Amino acid sequence: MKKILIVDDEPNIVMTLEYTFKKNNYEVYIARDGSEALYILEDVVPDLVLLDIMMPNVDGYQTLKFIKEKSELKDIKVVFLTAKNKASDVDKGLKLGADKYLIKPFSIKKIVSEVNELLN
């Protein structure tokens, strides 16, 4: 079973994504900010991280840098899922190593299809 870590501080988004990915046979882990994500990543190596950028404590950019710097984590696929929609934001996210950059509000079908595409 593929593992996915959802990192977002908006409860409605987390619940929707968690429900959707569990229904699609993923093992789902939840973090409400980057520091919680880093804690989870000490024990779990997911196949993919769905990552918001604007969060308290540790933001998505810092979280992604941490993932890419750790040899045991660097191969994890990372998808930014954020309201930051300027071209400069997208560029920064992709330069830091994100595999995809999706903008909120989002279509659940699109996210599931993008995740499945990255993992298959």
PDB file of N, CA and C in Angstrom:
ATOM      1  N   MET A   1       0.833  -1.188   0.000  1.00  0.00           N
ATOM      2  CA  MET A   1       0.000   0.000   0.000  1.00  0.00           C
ATOM      3  C   MET A   1       0.880   1.255   0.000  1.00  0.00           C
ATOM      4  N   LYS A   2       0.598   2.187  -0.891  1.00  0.00           N
ATOM      5  CA  LYS A   2       1.378   3.422  -0.976  1.00  0.00           C
ATOM      6  C   LYS A   2       1.050   4.323   0.212  1.00  0.00           C
ATOM      7  N   LYS A   3       2.087   5.042   0.690  1.00  0.00           N
ATOM      8  CA  LYS A   3       1.919   5.940   1.833  1.00  0.00           C
ATOM      9  C   LYS A   3       1.959   7.385   1.362  1.00  0.00           C
ATOM     10  N   ILE A   4       1.053   8.193   1.926  1.00  0.00           N
ATOM     11  CA  ILE A   4       1.016   9.606   1.587  1.00  0.00           C
ATOM     12  C   ILE A   4       0.963  10.416   2.883  1.00  0.00           C
ATOM     13  N   LEU A   5       1.739  11.482   2.934  1.00  0.00           N
ATOM     14  CA  LEU A   5       1.728  12.399   4.078  1.00  0.00           C
ATOM     15  C   LEU A   5       1.089  13.701   3.619  1.00  0.00           C
ATOM     16  N   ILE A   6       0.000  14.084   4.282  1.00  0.00           N
ATOM     17  CA  ILE A   6      -0.698  15.325   3.959  1.00  0.00           C
ATOM     18  C   ILE A   6      -0.296  16.367   5.002  1.00  0.00           C
ATOM     19  N   VAL A   7       0.273  17.479   4.540  1.00  0.00           N
ATOM     20  CA  VAL A   7       0.740  18.525   5.449  1.00  0.00           C
ATOM     21  C   VAL A   7      -0.005  19.814   5.119  1.00  0.00           C
ATOM     22  N   ASP A   8      -0.960  20.179   5.979  1.00  0.00           N
ATOM     23  CA  ASP A   8      -1.761  21.380   5.744  1.00  0.00           C
ATOM     24  C   ASP A   8      -2.370  21.818   7.068  1.00  0.00           C
ATOM     25  N   ASP A   9      -2.513  23.124   7.260  1.00  0.00           N
ATOM     26  CA  ASP A   9      -3.080  23.618   8.522  1.00  0.00           C
ATOM     27  C   ASP A   9      -4.576  23.924   8.427  1.00  0.00           C
ATOM     28  N   GLU A  10      -5.199  23.611   7.291  1.00  0.00           N
ATOM     29  CA  GLU A  10      -6.642  23.834   7.148  1.00  0.00           C
ATOM     30  C   GLU A  10      -7.388  22.514   7.337  1.00  0.00           C
ATOM     31  N   PRO A  11      -8.116  22.373   8.460  1.00  0.00           N
ATOM     32  CA  PRO A  11      -8.776  21.094   8.790  1.00  0.00           C
ATOM     33  C   PRO A  11      -9.695  20.559   7.691  1.00  0.00           C
ATOM     34  N   ASN A  12     -10.448  21.418   7.011  1.00  0.00           N
ATOM     35  CA  ASN A  12     -11.367  20.929   5.976  1.00  0.00           C
ATOM     36  C   ASN A  12     -10.619  20.308   4.805  1.00  0.00           C
ATOM     37  N   ILE A  13      -9.508  20.904   4.439  1.00  0.00           N
ATOM     38  CA  ILE A  13      -8.691  20.368   3.341  1.00  0.00           C
ATOM     39  C   ILE A  13      -8.094  19.018   3.769  1.00  0.00           C
ATOM     40  N   VAL A  14      -7.568  18.973   4.983  1.00  0.00           N
ATOM     41  CA  VAL A  14      -6.967  17.733   5.491  1.00  0.00           C
ATOM     42  C   VAL A  14      -8.003  16.607   5.501  1.00  0.00           C
ATOM     43  N   MET A  15      -9.198  16.896   6.027  1.00  0.00           N
ATOM     44  CA  MET A  15     -10.240  15.849   6.111  1.00  0.00           C
ATOM     45  C   MET A  15     -10.645  15.361   4.724  1.00  0.00           C
ATOM     46  N   THR A  16     -10.822  16.280   3.795  1.00  0.00           N
ATOM     47  CA  THR A  16     -11.219  15.914   2.432  1.00  0.00           C
ATOM     48  C   THR A  16     -10.153  15.037   1.779  1.00  0.00           C
ATOM     49  N   LEU A  17      -8.904  15.459   1.867  1.00  0.00           N
ATOM     50  CA  LEU A  17      -7.816  14.699   1.247  1.00  0.00           C
ATOM     51  C   LEU A  17      -7.622  13.344   1.932  1.00  0.00           C
ATOM     52  N   GLU A  18      -7.688  13.331   3.248  1.00  0.00           N
ATOM     53  CA  GLU A  18      -7.515  12.073   3.986  1.00  0.00           C
ATOM     54  C   GLU A  18      -8.594  11.066   3.569  1.00  0.00           C
ATOM     55  N   TYR A  19      -9.822  11.493   3.559  1.00  0.00           N
ATOM     56  CA  TYR A  19     -10.938  10.623   3.166  1.00  0.00           C
ATOM     57  C   TYR A  19     -10.729  10.097   1.741  1.00  0.00           C
ATOM     58  N   THR A  20     -10.403  11.009   0.833  1.00  0.00           N
ATOM     59  CA  THR A  20     -10.249  10.652  -0.578  1.00  0.00           C
ATOM     60  C   THR A  20      -9.125   9.635  -0.781  1.00  0.00           C
ATOM     61  N   PHE A  21      -7.969   9.880  -0.180  1.00  0.00           N
ATOM     62  CA  PHE A  21      -6.843   8.973  -0.405  1.00  0.00           C
ATOM     63  C   PHE A  21      -7.027   7.632   0.309  1.00  0.00           C
ATOM     64  N   LYS A  22      -7.666   7.627   1.462  1.00  0.00           N
ATOM     65  CA  LYS A  22      -7.961   6.341   2.114  1.00  0.00           C
ATOM     66  C   LYS A  22      -8.904   5.518   1.235  1.00  0.00           C
ATOM     67  N   LYS A  23      -9.885   6.191   0.639  1.00  0.00           N
ATOM     68  CA  LYS A  23     -10.836   5.522  -0.245  1.00  0.00           C
ATOM     69  C   LYS A  23     -10.117   4.960  -1.479  1.00  0.00           C
ATOM     70  N   ASN A  24      -9.008   5.595  -1.871  1.00  0.00           N
ATOM     71  CA  ASN A  24      -8.216   5.143  -3.016  1.00  0.00           C
ATOM     72  C   ASN A  24      -7.061   4.226  -2.594  1.00  0.00           C
ATOM     73  N   ASN A  25      -7.200   3.599  -1.429  1.00  0.00           N
ATOM     74  CA  ASN A  25      -6.241   2.601  -0.932  1.00  0.00           C
ATOM     75  C   ASN A  25      -4.841   3.123  -0.643  1.00  0.00           C
ATOM     76  N   TYR A  26      -4.754   4.319  -0.094  1.00  0.00           N
ATOM     77  CA  TYR A  26      -3.470   4.842   0.381  1.00  0.00           C
ATOM     78  C   TYR A  26      -3.447   4.764   1.901  1.00  0.00           C
ATOM     79  N   GLU A  27      -2.250   4.558   2.440  1.00  0.00           N
ATOM     80  CA  GLU A  27      -2.049   4.697   3.878  1.00  0.00           C
ATOM     81  C   GLU A  27      -1.769   6.181   4.093  1.00  0.00           C
ATOM     82  N   VAL A  28      -2.569   6.854   4.934  1.00  0.00           N
ATOM     83  CA  VAL A  28      -2.510   8.316   5.041  1.00  0.00           C
ATOM     84  C   VAL A  28      -1.975   8.748   6.403  1.00  0.00           C
ATOM     85  N   TYR A  29      -1.031   9.680   6.379  1.00  0.00           N
ATOM     86  CA  TYR A  29      -0.502  10.315   7.588  1.00  0.00           C
ATOM     87  C   TYR A  29      -0.821  11.800   7.487  1.00  0.00           C
ATOM     88  N   ILE A  30      -1.053  12.428   8.637  1.00  0.00           N
ATOM     89  CA  ILE A  30      -1.465  13.831   8.665  1.00  0.00           C
ATOM     90  C   ILE A  30      -0.505  14.643   9.527  1.00  0.00           C
ATOM     91  N   ALA A  31      -0.123  15.823   9.023  1.00  0.00           N
ATOM     92  CA  ALA A  31       0.622  16.797   9.823  1.00  0.00           C
ATOM     93  C   ALA A  31      -0.038  18.154   9.613  1.00  0.00           C
ATOM     94  N   ARG A  32      -0.157  18.920  10.687  1.00  0.00           N
ATOM     95  CA  ARG A  32      -0.838  20.215  10.595  1.00  0.00           C
ATOM     96  C   ARG A  32       0.110  21.385  10.357  1.00  0.00           C
ATOM     97  N   ASP A  33       1.406  21.101  10.331  1.00  0.00           N
ATOM     98  CA  ASP A  33       2.403  22.105   9.956  1.00  0.00           C
ATOM     99  C   ASP A  33       3.718  21.397   9.658  1.00  0.00           C
ATOM    100  N   GLY A  34       4.703  22.168   9.225  1.00  0.00           N
ATOM    101  CA  GLY A  34       5.983  21.576   8.832  1.00  0.00           C
ATOM    102  C   GLY A  34       6.703  20.880   9.966  1.00  0.00           C
ATOM    103  N   SER A  35       6.619  21.436  11.190  1.00  0.00           N
ATOM    104  CA  SER A  35       7.350  20.797  12.294  1.00  0.00           C
ATOM    105  C   SER A  35       6.747  19.429  12.615  1.00  0.00           C
ATOM    106  N   GLU A  36       5.416  19.317  12.532  1.00  0.00           N
ATOM    107  CA  GLU A  36       4.769  18.015  12.731  1.00  0.00           C
ATOM    108  C   GLU A  36       5.175  17.041  11.612  1.00  0.00           C
ATOM    109  N   ALA A  37       5.279  17.557  10.396  1.00  0.00           N
ATOM    110  CA  ALA A  37       5.695  16.723   9.260  1.00  0.00           C
ATOM    111  C   ALA A  37       7.105  16.180   9.485  1.00  0.00           C
ATOM    112  N   LEU A  38       8.017  17.041   9.944  1.00  0.00           N
ATOM    113  CA  LEU A  38       9.400  16.609  10.170  1.00  0.00           C
ATOM    114  C   LEU A  38       9.448  15.532  11.250  1.00  0.00           C
ATOM    115  N   TYR A  39       8.598  15.667  12.256  1.00  0.00           N
ATOM    116  CA  TYR A  39       8.520  14.666  13.324  1.00  0.00           C
ATOM    117  C   TYR A  39       8.055  13.320  12.758  1.00  0.00           C
ATOM    118  N   ILE A  40       7.010  13.342  11.945  1.00  0.00           N
ATOM    119  CA  ILE A  40       6.489  12.109  11.333  1.00  0.00           C
ATOM    120  C   ILE A  40       7.546  11.471  10.430  1.00  0.00           C
ATOM    121  N   LEU A  41       8.291  12.300   9.704  1.00  0.00           N
ATOM    122  CA  LEU A  41       9.300  11.795   8.762  1.00  0.00           C
ATOM    123  C   LEU A  41      10.478  11.107   9.460  1.00  0.00           C
ATOM    124  N   GLU A  42      10.587  11.270  10.774  1.00  0.00           N
ATOM    125  CA  GLU A  42      11.622  10.534  11.513  1.00  0.00           C
ATOM    126  C   GLU A  42      11.296   9.043  11.551  1.00  0.00           C
ATOM    127  N   ASP A  43       9.991   8.702  11.485  1.00  0.00           N
ATOM    128  CA  ASP A  43       9.563   7.307  11.612  1.00  0.00           C
ATOM    129  C   ASP A  43       8.973   6.721  10.339  1.00  0.00           C
ATOM    130  N   VAL A  44       8.443   7.567   9.473  1.00  0.00           N
ATOM    131  CA  VAL A  44       7.712   7.107   8.300  1.00  0.00           C
ATOM    132  C   VAL A  44       8.350   7.703   7.052  1.00  0.00           C
ATOM    133  N   VAL A  45       8.570   6.869   6.040  1.00  0.00           N
ATOM    134  CA  VAL A  45       9.035   7.379   4.749  1.00  0.00           C
ATOM    135  C   VAL A  45       7.893   7.170   3.755  1.00  0.00           C
ATOM    136  N   PRO A  46       7.100   8.244   3.531  1.00  0.00           N
ATOM    137  CA  PRO A  46       5.972   8.094   2.609  1.00  0.00           C
ATOM    138  C   PRO A  46       6.456   8.057   1.159  1.00  0.00           C
ATOM    139  N   ASP A  47       5.585   7.609   0.268  1.00  0.00           N
ATOM    140  CA  ASP A  47       5.908   7.636  -1.156  1.00  0.00           C
ATOM    141  C   ASP A  47       5.737   9.046  -1.707  1.00  0.00           C
ATOM    142  N   LEU A  48       4.830   9.824  -1.053  1.00  0.00           N
ATOM    143  CA  LEU A  48       4.536  11.151  -1.549  1.00  0.00           C
ATOM    144  C   LEU A  48       4.104  12.050  -0.393  1.00  0.00           C
ATOM    145  N   VAL A  49       4.476  13.331  -0.480  1.00  0.00           N
ATOM    146  CA  VAL A  49       4.037  14.338   0.487  1.00  0.00           C
ATOM    147  C   VAL A  49       3.233  15.394  -0.256  1.00  0.00           C
ATOM    148  N   LEU A  50       2.001  15.630   0.204  1.00  0.00           N
ATOM    149  CA  LEU A  50       1.181  16.740  -0.286  1.00  0.00           C
ATOM    150  C   LEU A  50       1.415  17.869   0.699  1.00  0.00           C
ATOM    151  N   LEU A  51       1.952  18.990   0.232  1.00  0.00           N
ATOM    152  CA  LEU A  51       2.521  19.986   1.133  1.00  0.00           C
ATOM    153  C   LEU A  51       1.986  21.389   0.861  1.00  0.00           C
ATOM    154  N   ASP A  52       1.384  21.984   1.882  1.00  0.00           N
ATOM    155  CA  ASP A  52       0.986  23.384   1.809  1.00  0.00           C
ATOM    156  C   ASP A  52       2.244  24.232   2.028  1.00  0.00           C
ATOM    157  N   ILE A  53       2.224  25.489   1.601  1.00  0.00           N
ATOM    158  CA  ILE A  53       3.384  26.356   1.820  1.00  0.00           C
ATOM    159  C   ILE A  53       3.192  27.230   3.052  1.00  0.00           C
ATOM    160  N   MET A  54       2.051  27.922   3.128  1.00  0.00           N
ATOM    161  CA  MET A  54       1.838  28.876   4.216  1.00  0.00           C
ATOM    162  C   MET A  54       1.254  28.174   5.434  1.00  0.00           C
ATOM    163  N   MET A  55       2.147  27.877   6.405  1.00  0.00           N
ATOM    164  CA  MET A  55       1.747  27.196   7.630  1.00  0.00           C
ATOM    165  C   MET A  55       2.517  27.795   8.798  1.00  0.00           C
ATOM    166  N   PRO A  56       1.983  27.646  10.017  1.00  0.00           N
ATOM    167  CA  PRO A  56       2.719  28.136  11.194  1.00  0.00           C
ATOM    168  C   PRO A  56       3.983  27.303  11.440  1.00  0.00           C
ATOM    169  N   ASN A  57       4.861  27.816  12.253  1.00  0.00           N
ATOM    170  CA  ASN A  57       6.103  27.148  12.679  1.00  0.00           C
ATOM    171  C   ASN A  57       7.073  26.934  11.514  1.00  0.00           C
ATOM    172  N   VAL A  58       6.961  25.830  10.819  1.00  0.00           N
ATOM    173  CA  VAL A  58       7.864  25.519   9.704  1.00  0.00           C
ATOM    174  C   VAL A  58       7.027  25.533   8.429  1.00  0.00           C
ATOM    175  N   ASP A  59       7.370  26.396   7.469  1.00  0.00           N
ATOM    176  CA  ASP A  59       6.559  26.476   6.246  1.00  0.00           C
ATOM    177  C   ASP A  59       6.912  25.365   5.252  1.00  0.00           C
ATOM    178  N   GLY A  60       6.157  25.323   4.164  1.00  0.00           N
ATOM    179  CA  GLY A  60       6.350  24.266   3.177  1.00  0.00           C
ATOM    180  C   GLY A  60       7.706  24.300   2.493  1.00  0.00           C
ATOM    181  N   TYR A  61       8.216  25.506   2.245  1.00  0.00           N
ATOM    182  CA  TYR A  61       9.541  25.609   1.601  1.00  0.00           C
ATOM    183  C   TYR A  61      10.610  24.980   2.499  1.00  0.00           C
ATOM    184  N   GLN A  62      10.586  25.306   3.796  1.00  0.00           N
ATOM    185  CA  GLN A  62      11.573  24.751   4.734  1.00  0.00           C
ATOM    186  C   GLN A  62      11.423  23.233   4.850  1.00  0.00           C
ATOM    187  N   THR A  63      10.183  22.777   4.851  1.00  0.00           N
ATOM    188  CA  THR A  63       9.918  21.341   4.939  1.00  0.00           C
ATOM    189  C   THR A  63      10.496  20.618   3.727  1.00  0.00           C
ATOM    190  N   LEU A  64      10.268  21.177   2.532  1.00  0.00           N
ATOM    191  CA  LEU A  64      10.790  20.575   1.309  1.00  0.00           C
ATOM    192  C   LEU A  64      12.316  20.546   1.323  1.00  0.00           C
ATOM    193  N   LYS A  65      12.949  21.640   1.753  1.00  0.00           N
ATOM    194  CA  LYS A  65      14.425  21.673   1.829  1.00  0.00           C
ATOM    195  C   LYS A  65      14.934  20.547   2.724  1.00  0.00           C
ATOM    196  N   PHE A  66      14.280  20.354   3.867  1.00  0.00           N
ATOM    197  CA  PHE A  66      14.669  19.295   4.800  1.00  0.00           C
ATOM    198  C   PHE A  66      14.573  17.924   4.128  1.00  0.00           C
ATOM    199  N   ILE A  67      13.451  17.691   3.427  1.00  0.00           N
ATOM    200  CA  ILE A  67      13.244  16.399   2.756  1.00  0.00           C
ATOM    201  C   ILE A  67      14.344  16.158   1.723  1.00  0.00           C
ATOM    202  N   LYS A  68      14.664  17.161   0.926  1.00  0.00           N
ATOM    203  CA  LYS A  68      15.644  16.997  -0.157  1.00  0.00           C
ATOM    204  C   LYS A  68      17.072  16.868   0.356  1.00  0.00           C
ATOM    205  N   GLU A  69      17.339  17.363   1.582  1.00  0.00           N
ATOM    206  CA  GLU A  69      18.699  17.286   2.139  1.00  0.00           C
ATOM    207  C   GLU A  69      18.990  15.953   2.817  1.00  0.00           C
ATOM    208  N   LYS A  70      17.971  15.188   3.173  1.00  0.00           N
ATOM    209  CA  LYS A  70      18.154  13.908   3.871  1.00  0.00           C
ATOM    210  C   LYS A  70      18.245  12.780   2.850  1.00  0.00           C
ATOM    211  N   SER A  71      19.320  12.021   2.876  1.00  0.00           N
ATOM    212  CA  SER A  71      19.509  10.986   1.860  1.00  0.00           C
ATOM    213  C   SER A  71      18.381   9.950   1.870  1.00  0.00           C
ATOM    214  N   GLU A  72      17.856   9.623   3.071  1.00  0.00           N
ATOM    215  CA  GLU A  72      16.804   8.605   3.127  1.00  0.00           C
ATOM    216  C   GLU A  72      15.429   9.147   2.726  1.00  0.00           C
ATOM    217  N   LEU A  73      15.301  10.466   2.568  1.00  0.00           N
ATOM    218  CA  LEU A  73      14.018  11.079   2.215  1.00  0.00           C
ATOM    219  C   LEU A  73      14.001  11.711   0.829  1.00  0.00           C
ATOM    220  N   LYS A  74      15.178  11.961   0.264  1.00  0.00           N
ATOM    221  CA  LYS A  74      15.268  12.784  -0.952  1.00  0.00           C
ATOM    222  C   LYS A  74      14.505  12.255  -2.170  1.00  0.00           C
ATOM    223  N   ASP A  75      14.181  10.952  -2.178  1.00  0.00           N
ATOM    224  CA  ASP A  75      13.458  10.380  -3.324  1.00  0.00           C
ATOM    225  C   ASP A  75      11.934  10.442  -3.180  1.00  0.00           C
ATOM    226  N   ILE A  76      11.463  10.948  -2.036  1.00  0.00           N
ATOM    227  CA  ILE A  76      10.016  11.098  -1.836  1.00  0.00           C
ATOM    228  C   ILE A  76       9.495  12.113  -2.848  1.00  0.00           C
ATOM    229  N   LYS A  77       8.378  11.792  -3.482  1.00  0.00           N
ATOM    230  CA  LYS A  77       7.725  12.751  -4.381  1.00  0.00           C
ATOM    231  C   LYS A  77       7.043  13.815  -3.525  1.00  0.00           C
ATOM    232  N   VAL A  78       7.180  15.077  -3.929  1.00  0.00           N
ATOM    233  CA  VAL A  78       6.560  16.169  -3.175  1.00  0.00           C
ATOM    234  C   VAL A  78       5.686  16.993  -4.109  1.00  0.00           C
ATOM    235  N   VAL A  79       4.433  17.210  -3.691  1.00  0.00           N
ATOM    236  CA  VAL A  79       3.488  18.020  -4.456  1.00  0.00           C
ATOM    237  C   VAL A  79       3.070  19.193  -3.577  1.00  0.00           C
ATOM    238  N   PHE A  80       3.394  20.405  -4.027  1.00  0.00           N
ATOM    239  CA  PHE A  80       2.896  21.576  -3.316  1.00  0.00           C
ATOM    240  C   PHE A  80       1.425  21.751  -3.646  1.00  0.00           C
ATOM    241  N   LEU A  81       0.630  22.019  -2.622  1.00  0.00           N
ATOM    242  CA  LEU A  81      -0.795  22.288  -2.776  1.00  0.00           C
ATOM    243  C   LEU A  81      -1.045  23.569  -1.998  1.00  0.00           C
ATOM    244  N   THR A  82      -1.148  24.697  -2.708  1.00  0.00           N
ATOM    245  CA  THR A  82      -1.084  25.987  -2.043  1.00  0.00           C
ATOM    246  C   THR A  82      -1.932  27.047  -2.738  1.00  0.00           C
ATOM    247  N   ALA A  83      -2.228  28.096  -1.990  1.00  0.00           N
ATOM    248  CA  ALA A  83      -2.938  29.246  -2.575  1.00  0.00           C
ATOM    249  C   ALA A  83      -1.954  30.218  -3.225  1.00  0.00           C
ATOM    250  N   LYS A  84      -0.665  30.013  -3.002  1.00  0.00           N
ATOM    251  CA  LYS A  84       0.348  30.916  -3.599  1.00  0.00           C
ATOM    252  C   LYS A  84       0.431  30.620  -5.103  1.00  0.00           C
ATOM    253  N   ASN A  85      -0.086  31.551  -5.904  1.00  0.00           N
ATOM    254  CA  ASN A  85      -0.253  31.244  -7.329  1.00  0.00           C
ATOM    255  C   ASN A  85       0.537  32.137  -8.275  1.00  0.00           C
ATOM    256  N   LYS A  86       1.450  32.954  -7.755  1.00  0.00           N
ATOM    257  CA  LYS A  86       2.277  33.782  -8.644  1.00  0.00           C
ATOM    258  C   LYS A  86       3.311  32.897  -9.342  1.00  0.00           C
ATOM    259  N   ALA A  87       3.697  33.300 -10.542  1.00  0.00           N
ATOM    260  CA  ALA A  87       4.711  32.544 -11.291  1.00  0.00           C
ATOM    261  C   ALA A  87       5.991  32.397 -10.464  1.00  0.00           C
ATOM    262  N   SER A  88       6.358  33.443  -9.717  1.00  0.00           N
ATOM    263  CA  SER A  88       7.587  33.379  -8.911  1.00  0.00           C
ATOM    264  C   SER A  88       7.463  32.324  -7.802  1.00  0.00           C
ATOM    265  N   ASP A  89       6.248  32.156  -7.246  1.00  0.00           N
ATOM    266  CA  ASP A  89       6.031  31.125  -6.221  1.00  0.00           C
ATOM    267  C   ASP A  89       6.184  29.738  -6.823  1.00  0.00           C
ATOM    268  N   VAL A  90       5.565  29.549  -7.999  1.00  0.00           N
ATOM    269  CA  VAL A  90       5.631  28.258  -8.687  1.00  0.00           C
ATOM    270  C   VAL A  90       7.093  27.927  -9.006  1.00  0.00           C
ATOM    271  N   ASP A  91       7.815  28.910  -9.569  1.00  0.00           N
ATOM    272  CA  ASP A  91       9.238  28.717  -9.895  1.00  0.00           C
ATOM    273  C   ASP A  91      10.040  28.316  -8.667  1.00  0.00           C
ATOM    274  N   LYS A  92       9.838  29.046  -7.569  1.00  0.00           N
ATOM    275  CA  LYS A  92      10.587  28.759  -6.345  1.00  0.00           C
ATOM    276  C   LYS A  92      10.311  27.332  -5.874  1.00  0.00           C
ATOM    277  N   GLY A  93       9.035  26.929  -5.868  1.00  0.00           N
ATOM    278  CA  GLY A  93       8.669  25.587  -5.425  1.00  0.00           C
ATOM    279  C   GLY A  93       9.314  24.508  -6.268  1.00  0.00           C
ATOM    280  N   LEU A  94       9.292  24.690  -7.584  1.00  0.00           N
ATOM    281  CA  LEU A  94       9.860  23.675  -8.487  1.00  0.00           C
ATOM    282  C   LEU A  94      11.391  23.670  -8.400  1.00  0.00           C
ATOM    283  N   LYS A  95      12.002  24.850  -8.240  1.00  0.00           N
ATOM    284  CA  LYS A  95      13.472  24.916  -8.101  1.00  0.00           C
ATOM    285  C   LYS A  95      13.939  24.221  -6.825  1.00  0.00           C
ATOM    286  N   LEU A  96      13.139  24.310  -5.775  1.00  0.00           N
ATOM    287  CA  LEU A  96      13.497  23.653  -4.512  1.00  0.00           C
ATOM    288  C   LEU A  96      13.370  22.131  -4.603  1.00  0.00           C
ATOM    289  N   GLY A  97      12.686  21.649  -5.654  1.00  0.00           N
ATOM    290  CA  GLY A  97      12.626  20.207  -5.858  1.00  0.00           C
ATOM    291  C   GLY A  97      11.243  19.586  -5.829  1.00  0.00           C
ATOM    292  N   ALA A  98      10.186  20.409  -5.773  1.00  0.00           N
ATOM    293  CA  ALA A  98       8.836  19.833  -5.813  1.00  0.00           C
ATOM    294  C   ALA A  98       8.613  19.161  -7.164  1.00  0.00           C
ATOM    295  N   ASP A  99       7.873  18.061  -7.158  1.00  0.00           N
ATOM    296  CA  ASP A  99       7.580  17.345  -8.406  1.00  0.00           C
ATOM    297  C   ASP A  99       6.398  17.975  -9.140  1.00  0.00           C
ATOM    298  N   LYS A 100       5.477  18.563  -8.379  1.00  0.00           N
ATOM    299  CA  LYS A 100       4.302  19.230  -8.958  1.00  0.00           C
ATOM    300  C   LYS A 100       3.956  20.417  -8.079  1.00  0.00           C
ATOM    301  N   TYR A 101       3.231  21.356  -8.669  1.00  0.00           N
ATOM    302  CA  TYR A 101       2.796  22.540  -7.935  1.00  0.00           C
ATOM    303  C   TYR A 101       1.334  22.762  -8.297  1.00  0.00           C
ATOM    304  N   LEU A 102       0.426  22.457  -7.362  1.00  0.00           N
ATOM    305  CA  LEU A 102      -1.006  22.586  -7.614  1.00  0.00           C
ATOM    306  C   LEU A 102      -1.565  23.730  -6.776  1.00  0.00           C
ATOM    307  N   ILE A 103      -2.533  24.435  -7.341  1.00  0.00           N
ATOM    308  CA  ILE A 103      -3.035  25.653  -6.712  1.00  0.00           C
ATOM    309  C   ILE A 103      -4.443  25.451  -6.153  1.00  0.00           C
ATOM    310  N   LYS A 104      -4.644  25.955  -4.920  1.00  0.00           N
ATOM    311  CA  LYS A 104      -5.962  25.953  -4.291  1.00  0.00           C
ATOM    312  C   LYS A 104      -6.771  27.118  -4.866  1.00  0.00           C
ATOM    313  N   PRO A 105      -8.087  27.019  -4.974  1.00  0.00           N
ATOM    314  CA  PRO A 105      -8.879  25.820  -4.730  1.00  0.00           C
ATOM    315  C   PRO A 105      -8.573  24.763  -5.795  1.00  0.00           C
ATOM    316  N   PHE A 106      -8.790  23.517  -5.456  1.00  0.00           N
ATOM    317  CA  PHE A 106      -8.364  22.420  -6.320  1.00  0.00           C
ATOM    318  C   PHE A 106      -9.511  21.467  -6.597  1.00  0.00           C
ATOM    319  N   SER A 107      -9.321  20.663  -7.617  1.00  0.00           N
ATOM    320  CA  SER A 107     -10.262  19.584  -7.930  1.00  0.00           C
ATOM    321  C   SER A 107      -9.688  18.296  -7.348  1.00  0.00           C
ATOM    322  N   ILE A 108     -10.493  17.603  -6.548  1.00  0.00           N
ATOM    323  CA  ILE A 108     -10.062  16.333  -5.946  1.00  0.00           C
ATOM    324  C   ILE A 108      -9.654  15.343  -7.032  1.00  0.00           C
ATOM    325  N   LYS A 109     -10.447  15.268  -8.108  1.00  0.00           N
ATOM    326  CA  LYS A 109     -10.121  14.339  -9.199  1.00  0.00           C
ATOM    327  C   LYS A 109      -8.738  14.623  -9.756  1.00  0.00           C
ATOM    328  N   LYS A 110      -8.420  15.912  -9.934  1.00  0.00           N
ATOM    329  CA  LYS A 110      -7.122  16.298 -10.487  1.00  0.00           C
ATOM    330  C   LYS A 110      -5.989  15.894  -9.535  1.00  0.00           C
ATOM    331  N   ILE A 111      -6.176  16.136  -8.252  1.00  0.00           N
ATOM    332  CA  ILE A 111      -5.122  15.779  -7.292  1.00  0.00           C
ATOM    333  C   ILE A 111      -4.890  14.271  -7.289  1.00  0.00           C
ATOM    334  N   VAL A 112      -5.963  13.498  -7.240  1.00  0.00           N
ATOM    335  CA  VAL A 112      -5.822  12.035  -7.235  1.00  0.00           C
ATOM    336  C   VAL A 112      -5.121  11.584  -8.502  1.00  0.00           C
ATOM    337  N   SER A 113      -5.500  12.150  -9.639  1.00  0.00           N
ATOM    338  CA  SER A 113      -4.874  11.731 -10.902  1.00  0.00           C
ATOM    339  C   SER A 113      -3.402  12.132 -10.953  1.00  0.00           C
ATOM    340  N   GLU A 114      -3.063  13.339 -10.450  1.00  0.00           N
ATOM    341  CA  GLU A 114      -1.649  13.780 -10.419  1.00  0.00           C
ATOM    342  C   GLU A 114      -0.828  12.884  -9.506  1.00  0.00           C
ATOM    343  N   VAL A 115      -1.369  12.546  -8.332  1.00  0.00           N
ATOM    344  CA  VAL A 115      -0.660  11.687  -7.378  1.00  0.00           C
ATOM    345  C   VAL A 115      -0.465  10.290  -7.969  1.00  0.00           C
ATOM    346  N   ASN A 116      -1.530   9.731  -8.547  1.00  0.00           N
ATOM    347  CA  ASN A 116      -1.415   8.398  -9.146  1.00  0.00           C
ATOM    348  C   ASN A 116      -0.383   8.394 -10.269  1.00  0.00           C
ATOM    349  N   GLU A 117      -0.356   9.459 -11.056  1.00  0.00           N
ATOM    350  CA  GLU A 117       0.601   9.564 -12.163  1.00  0.00           C
ATOM    351  C   GLU A 117       2.039   9.591 -11.626  1.00  0.00           C
ATOM    352  N   LEU A 118       2.269  10.363 -10.566  1.00  0.00           N
ATOM    353  CA  LEU A 118       3.614  10.447  -9.992  1.00  0.00           C
ATOM    354  C   LEU A 118       4.075   9.122  -9.384  1.00  0.00           C
ATOM    355  N   LEU A 119       3.142   8.350  -8.850  1.00  0.00           N
ATOM    356  CA  LEU A 119       3.518   7.129  -8.131  1.00  0.00           C
ATOM    357  C   LEU A 119       3.464   5.866  -8.983  1.00  0.00           C
ATOM    358  N   ASN A 120       2.990   5.972 -10.221  1.00  0.00           N
ATOM    359  CA  ASN A 120       2.925   4.762 -11.047  1.00  0.00           C
ATOM    360  C   ASN A 120       3.881   4.796 -12.224  1.00  0.00           C
TER     361      ASN A 120
END
